[in-house]
N, C-alpha and C. Protein backbone atom coordinates (compact mmCIF):
# COMPACT_ATOMS: atom_id res chain seq x y z
N UNK A 1 -26.17 -43.34 -22.82
CA UNK A 1 -27.49 -42.98 -22.55
C UNK A 1 -28.73 -42.86 -23.16
N UNK A 2 -29.32 -43.01 -23.41
CA UNK A 2 -30.79 -42.32 -23.38
C UNK A 2 -31.44 -41.24 -22.48
N UNK A 3 -31.93 -39.96 -22.97
CA UNK A 3 -32.77 -39.41 -21.52
C UNK A 3 -34.64 -39.80 -22.10
N UNK A 4 -35.00 -40.08 -20.78
CA UNK A 4 -36.32 -40.70 -21.41
C UNK A 4 -37.15 -39.51 -20.61
N UNK A 5 -36.67 -37.80 -20.35
CA UNK A 5 -37.11 -36.65 -19.96
C UNK A 5 -37.77 -36.34 -18.71
N UNK A 6 -37.45 -36.98 -17.97
CA UNK A 6 -37.59 -37.15 -16.58
C UNK A 6 -36.61 -35.61 -15.31
N UNK A 7 -36.99 -35.02 -14.51
CA UNK A 7 -36.25 -33.84 -14.45
C UNK A 7 -35.07 -34.64 -13.71
N UNK A 8 -33.91 -33.71 -13.67
CA UNK A 8 -32.98 -34.17 -12.98
C UNK A 8 -32.84 -33.78 -11.73
N UNK A 9 -31.85 -34.85 -10.80
CA UNK A 9 -32.50 -34.76 -9.20
C UNK A 9 -31.53 -33.82 -9.04
N UNK A 10 -31.08 -33.62 -7.59
CA UNK A 10 -30.09 -32.94 -6.69
C UNK A 10 -29.01 -33.56 -7.42
N UNK A 11 -28.95 -34.31 -7.66
CA UNK A 11 -27.79 -35.57 -7.29
C UNK A 11 -26.95 -35.56 -9.24
N UNK A 12 -27.83 -36.09 -9.49
CA UNK A 12 -27.49 -35.55 -10.74
C UNK A 12 -26.79 -34.38 -11.83
N UNK A 13 -27.09 -33.09 -10.87
CA UNK A 13 -26.92 -31.87 -11.51
C UNK A 13 -25.43 -31.53 -11.38
N UNK A 14 -24.83 -30.81 -12.57
CA UNK A 14 -22.82 -30.83 -12.29
C UNK A 14 -23.07 -29.84 -11.40
N UNK A 15 -21.13 -29.83 -10.89
CA UNK A 15 -20.82 -29.42 -10.15
C UNK A 15 -20.25 -28.52 -11.11
N UNK A 16 -20.28 -27.17 -10.19
CA UNK A 16 -19.52 -25.84 -11.52
C UNK A 16 -18.00 -25.49 -10.75
N UNK A 17 -17.32 -25.22 -10.87
CA UNK A 17 -16.22 -25.04 -10.31
C UNK A 17 -15.64 -23.61 -10.41
N UNK A 18 -15.85 -22.48 -9.56
CA UNK A 18 -15.38 -21.09 -9.88
C UNK A 18 -14.43 -21.04 -10.98
N UNK A 19 -13.91 -20.27 -11.93
CA UNK A 19 -12.87 -19.28 -12.69
C UNK A 19 -11.49 -19.66 -12.09
N UNK A 20 -10.87 -20.42 -12.60
CA UNK A 20 -9.23 -20.39 -12.78
C UNK A 20 -9.54 -21.29 -11.67
N UNK A 21 -9.90 -22.27 -11.27
CA UNK A 21 -10.47 -23.05 -9.95
C UNK A 21 -8.79 -24.43 -10.48
N UNK A 22 -7.50 -24.61 -9.83
CA UNK A 22 -7.08 -25.43 -9.41
C UNK A 22 -6.55 -25.73 -9.12
N UNK A 23 -5.84 -26.84 -7.93
CA UNK A 23 -5.06 -28.24 -7.02
C UNK A 23 -3.32 -27.52 -7.47
N UNK A 24 -3.48 -26.04 -5.74
CA UNK A 24 -1.52 -25.97 -5.97
C UNK A 24 -1.51 -26.99 -5.64
N UNK A 25 -1.76 -27.84 -4.28
CA UNK A 25 -1.42 -28.59 -3.66
C UNK A 25 -2.57 -29.67 -2.96
N UNK A 26 -2.03 -30.37 -2.73
CA UNK A 26 -2.95 -32.02 -2.18
C UNK A 26 -3.95 -30.93 -1.26
N UNK A 27 -5.20 -30.75 -0.87
CA UNK A 27 -5.43 -30.38 -0.08
C UNK A 27 -5.74 -28.52 -0.10
N UNK A 28 -4.72 -27.73 -1.09
CA UNK A 28 -5.08 -25.96 -1.33
C UNK A 28 -5.34 -25.98 -2.29
N UNK A 29 -6.36 -25.28 -2.26
CA UNK A 29 -7.12 -24.46 -4.72
C UNK A 29 -6.50 -22.92 -4.36
N UNK A 30 -6.73 -23.35 -5.28
CA UNK A 30 -6.75 -21.32 -6.31
C UNK A 30 -7.92 -21.30 -6.83
N UNK A 31 -8.52 -20.02 -7.23
CA UNK A 31 -9.03 -19.39 -7.50
C UNK A 31 -9.62 -18.70 -7.88
N UNK A 32 -10.94 -17.92 -8.92
CA UNK A 32 -10.99 -17.03 -8.94
C UNK A 32 -12.44 -16.29 -8.04
N UNK A 33 -13.13 -15.42 -7.89
CA UNK A 33 -14.18 -15.43 -7.13
C UNK A 33 -15.50 -16.34 -7.51
N UNK A 34 -15.61 -17.09 -6.46
CA UNK A 34 -17.08 -17.88 -6.15
C UNK A 34 -19.08 -16.91 -6.31
N UNK A 35 -19.44 -17.65 -7.16
CA UNK A 35 -20.93 -17.11 -7.22
C UNK A 35 -21.90 -18.80 -7.05
N UNK A 36 -23.17 -18.43 -6.93
CA UNK A 36 -23.68 -19.35 -6.32
C UNK A 36 -23.91 -20.74 -7.15
N UNK A 37 -23.53 -20.24 -8.19
CA UNK A 37 -23.54 -21.76 -8.56
C UNK A 37 -22.21 -21.80 -8.46
N UNK A 38 -21.39 -21.84 -7.90
CA UNK A 38 -20.32 -22.81 -7.31
C UNK A 38 -20.23 -22.92 -6.16
N UNK A 39 -21.07 -23.03 -5.14
CA UNK A 39 -21.75 -23.83 -3.88
C UNK A 39 -21.59 -25.49 -3.47
N UNK A 40 -22.28 -26.04 -4.48
CA UNK A 40 -22.27 -27.39 -4.76
C UNK A 40 -20.75 -27.80 -4.27
N UNK A 41 -19.96 -27.30 -5.18
CA UNK A 41 -18.67 -27.57 -6.06
C UNK A 41 -17.67 -27.50 -4.47
N UNK A 42 -18.17 -26.05 -4.25
CA UNK A 42 -17.42 -25.64 -2.48
C UNK A 42 -17.51 -26.79 -1.55
N UNK A 43 -18.78 -26.92 -1.57
CA UNK A 43 -18.86 -28.22 -0.45
C UNK A 43 -18.67 -29.12 -0.70
N UNK A 44 -18.15 -29.43 -2.04
CA UNK A 44 -17.70 -31.17 -1.92
C UNK A 44 -16.48 -31.16 -1.02
N UNK A 45 -15.85 -29.54 -1.65
CA UNK A 45 -14.04 -29.65 -0.87
C UNK A 45 -14.31 -30.30 0.49
N UNK A 46 -14.93 -29.78 1.02
CA UNK A 46 -15.07 -30.05 2.51
C UNK A 46 -13.77 -28.73 2.94
N UNK A 47 -14.45 -27.53 2.24
CA UNK A 47 -12.65 -26.67 2.90
C UNK A 47 -13.38 -26.14 3.93
N UNK A 48 -12.03 -26.10 4.95
CA UNK A 48 -11.91 -25.30 6.57
C UNK A 48 -11.59 -23.93 6.32
N UNK A 49 -10.61 -23.48 5.33
CA UNK A 49 -10.75 -22.02 5.15
C UNK A 49 -10.62 -21.36 3.99
N UNK A 50 -10.46 -20.42 3.92
CA UNK A 50 -10.37 -19.40 3.00
C UNK A 50 -9.67 -18.26 3.10
N UNK A 51 -8.73 -18.35 2.05
CA UNK A 51 -7.55 -16.92 2.05
C UNK A 51 -7.73 -16.14 0.67
N UNK A 52 -9.09 -14.80 1.38
CA UNK A 52 -9.09 -13.93 -0.30
C UNK A 52 -8.81 -12.91 -0.29
N UNK A 53 -7.80 -12.92 -1.18
CA UNK A 53 -6.76 -11.41 -1.52
C UNK A 53 -7.20 -11.06 -2.34
N UNK A 54 -8.21 -9.41 -1.59
CA UNK A 54 -8.85 -9.02 -2.43
C UNK A 54 -9.18 -7.37 -1.72
N UNK A 55 -9.09 -6.45 -2.50
CA UNK A 55 -10.00 -5.19 -1.35
C UNK A 55 -11.48 -5.24 -1.17
N UNK A 56 -12.00 -5.85 -2.10
CA UNK A 56 -13.41 -5.74 -2.18
C UNK A 56 -14.17 -7.19 -1.36
N UNK A 57 -15.58 -6.36 -0.47
CA UNK A 57 -15.63 -7.27 0.32
C UNK A 57 -16.14 -8.79 -0.21
N UNK A 58 -16.73 -9.83 0.39
CA UNK A 58 -17.68 -11.28 -0.65
C UNK A 58 -18.89 -10.38 -0.22
N UNK A 59 -19.39 -10.93 -1.21
CA UNK A 59 -21.55 -10.41 -1.78
C UNK A 59 -22.35 -11.38 0.08
N UNK A 60 -22.85 -10.96 -0.05
CA UNK A 60 -23.78 -11.47 1.63
C UNK A 60 -23.87 -13.06 1.55
N UNK A 61 -24.26 -13.50 -0.60
CA UNK A 61 -24.31 -14.62 -0.48
C UNK A 61 -23.30 -15.73 -0.12
N UNK A 62 -22.46 -15.36 -0.54
CA UNK A 62 -21.28 -16.43 0.18
C UNK A 62 -20.52 -15.57 1.19
N UNK A 63 -20.92 -15.07 2.02
CA UNK A 63 -20.84 -15.08 3.33
C UNK A 63 -22.00 -16.13 4.05
N UNK A 64 -22.97 -15.76 4.10
CA UNK A 64 -24.44 -17.14 3.95
C UNK A 64 -23.25 -18.36 3.68
N UNK A 65 -22.88 -18.58 2.90
CA UNK A 65 -22.78 -19.88 1.85
C UNK A 65 -22.03 -20.46 2.99
N UNK A 66 -20.70 -19.49 2.81
CA UNK A 66 -19.12 -20.18 4.31
C UNK A 66 -19.33 -20.31 5.48
N UNK A 67 -19.79 -19.19 5.90
CA UNK A 67 -20.92 -19.04 7.88
C UNK A 67 -21.80 -20.60 7.67
N UNK A 68 -22.50 -21.32 7.09
CA UNK A 68 -23.41 -22.03 7.36
C UNK A 68 -22.85 -23.37 7.13
N UNK A 69 -21.46 -23.94 6.83
CA UNK A 69 -20.33 -24.32 6.94
C UNK A 69 -19.24 -24.71 7.49
N UNK A 70 -19.41 -23.19 8.39
CA UNK A 70 -18.27 -23.61 9.06
C UNK A 70 -16.45 -22.90 8.75
N UNK A 71 -16.84 -22.37 7.17
CA UNK A 71 -16.07 -21.98 6.31
C UNK A 71 -14.90 -20.73 6.93
N UNK A 72 -13.97 -20.96 7.24
CA UNK A 72 -13.02 -19.37 8.40
C UNK A 72 -12.60 -19.09 7.17
N UNK A 73 -13.44 -17.36 7.19
CA UNK A 73 -12.23 -16.05 6.32
C UNK A 73 -11.08 -15.52 6.43
N UNK A 74 -9.54 -16.14 5.62
CA UNK A 74 -8.60 -14.94 6.18
C UNK A 74 -9.02 -13.56 4.93
N UNK A 75 -9.03 -12.56 5.29
CA UNK A 75 -9.72 -11.57 4.32
C UNK A 75 -8.17 -10.87 4.62
N UNK A 76 -7.43 -10.83 3.37
CA UNK A 76 -6.22 -9.76 2.95
C UNK A 76 -6.45 -8.83 2.25
N UNK A 77 -6.22 -7.57 2.75
CA UNK A 77 -6.85 -6.38 1.42
C UNK A 77 -5.85 -6.43 0.55
N UNK A 78 -5.64 -7.07 -0.38
CA UNK A 78 -3.82 -7.17 -1.83
C UNK A 78 -5.03 -6.48 -3.00
N UNK A 79 -3.83 -5.39 -3.63
CA UNK A 79 -4.84 -4.81 -4.84
C UNK A 79 -4.84 -5.43 -5.63
N UNK A 80 -5.79 -5.09 -6.50
CA UNK A 80 -5.68 -6.75 -7.44
C UNK A 80 -4.68 -6.63 -8.53
N UNK A 81 -4.29 -7.40 -9.71
CA UNK A 81 -2.89 -6.89 -10.29
C UNK A 81 -3.33 -7.85 -11.72
N UNK A 82 -4.12 -7.76 -12.55
CA UNK A 82 -4.43 -8.45 -13.92
C UNK A 82 -3.05 -8.26 -15.17
N UNK A 83 -1.80 -7.56 -14.28
CA UNK A 83 -0.71 -7.62 -15.53
C UNK A 83 -0.18 -8.88 -15.39
N UNK A 84 0.54 -9.93 -16.50
CA UNK A 84 0.94 -11.60 -16.14
C UNK A 84 2.29 -11.25 -15.57
N UNK A 85 3.22 -9.69 -15.96
CA UNK A 85 4.36 -9.93 -15.37
C UNK A 85 4.42 -8.87 -14.28
N UNK A 86 3.05 -8.68 -13.36
CA UNK A 86 2.77 -8.21 -11.99
C UNK A 86 3.16 -8.93 -11.22
N UNK A 87 4.03 -8.25 -10.36
CA UNK A 87 4.24 -8.12 -8.50
C UNK A 87 3.55 -7.94 -7.58
N UNK A 88 3.10 -8.79 -7.11
CA UNK A 88 2.04 -8.77 -5.41
C UNK A 88 3.45 -8.22 -4.11
N UNK A 89 2.88 -7.51 -3.68
CA UNK A 89 4.65 -7.32 -2.70
C UNK A 89 4.78 -9.18 -1.85
N UNK A 90 6.01 -9.27 -1.32
CA UNK A 90 5.93 -10.73 -0.83
C UNK A 90 5.68 -10.33 0.62
N UNK A 91 6.04 -9.66 1.14
CA UNK A 91 5.26 -9.28 2.83
C UNK A 91 4.27 -9.54 2.55
N UNK A 92 3.48 -8.82 2.33
CA UNK A 92 1.52 -8.94 2.05
C UNK A 92 1.35 -10.22 2.25
N UNK A 93 2.51 -11.05 1.20
CA UNK A 93 1.59 -12.94 0.95
C UNK A 93 2.07 -13.55 2.23
N UNK A 94 3.13 -13.73 2.33
CA UNK A 94 3.95 -13.80 3.68
C UNK A 94 2.85 -13.95 5.10
N UNK A 95 2.85 -12.24 5.49
CA UNK A 95 1.85 -12.11 6.87
C UNK A 95 0.29 -13.14 6.07
N UNK A 96 0.12 -12.86 4.90
CA UNK A 96 -0.84 -13.39 5.25
C UNK A 96 -1.45 -14.82 5.12
N UNK A 97 0.15 -15.80 5.48
CA UNK A 97 0.55 -17.02 4.91
C UNK A 97 0.71 -17.74 6.67
N UNK A 98 1.04 -16.41 7.61
CA UNK A 98 1.17 -16.49 8.88
C UNK A 98 0.04 -16.70 10.12
N UNK A 99 -1.14 -15.46 9.03
CA UNK A 99 -2.10 -15.85 9.74
C UNK A 99 -3.02 -16.64 9.58
N UNK A 100 -3.00 -17.16 8.11
CA UNK A 100 -3.91 -18.83 8.35
C UNK A 100 -2.76 -20.26 8.90
N UNK A 101 -2.05 -20.01 8.66
CA UNK A 101 -0.88 -21.39 9.16
C UNK A 101 -1.05 -20.78 10.48
N UNK A 102 -0.97 -19.94 11.77
CA UNK A 102 -0.77 -19.15 12.63
C UNK A 102 -1.12 -20.15 13.33
């Protein structure tokens, strides 16, 4: 396909997933922290909720995006762990899942 020089329309722009994005199970995904360039990708997923496992707050841009699409946030404050063999408290994760599946 040859490029004719016209500007790309919104429908032709690429969508960019957040870092470390992957499907866990049908309809269940995981990823790193999203930013503005990931919003079109997240919109296409039709998300209903997000479980955010981090001590930090979401950015105002991200909160506005999620709120604008009615995506519910379950914020579970868990310390970050970058070690490959580090462990996260299983009781904290179980509590987060109970809240989401409630």
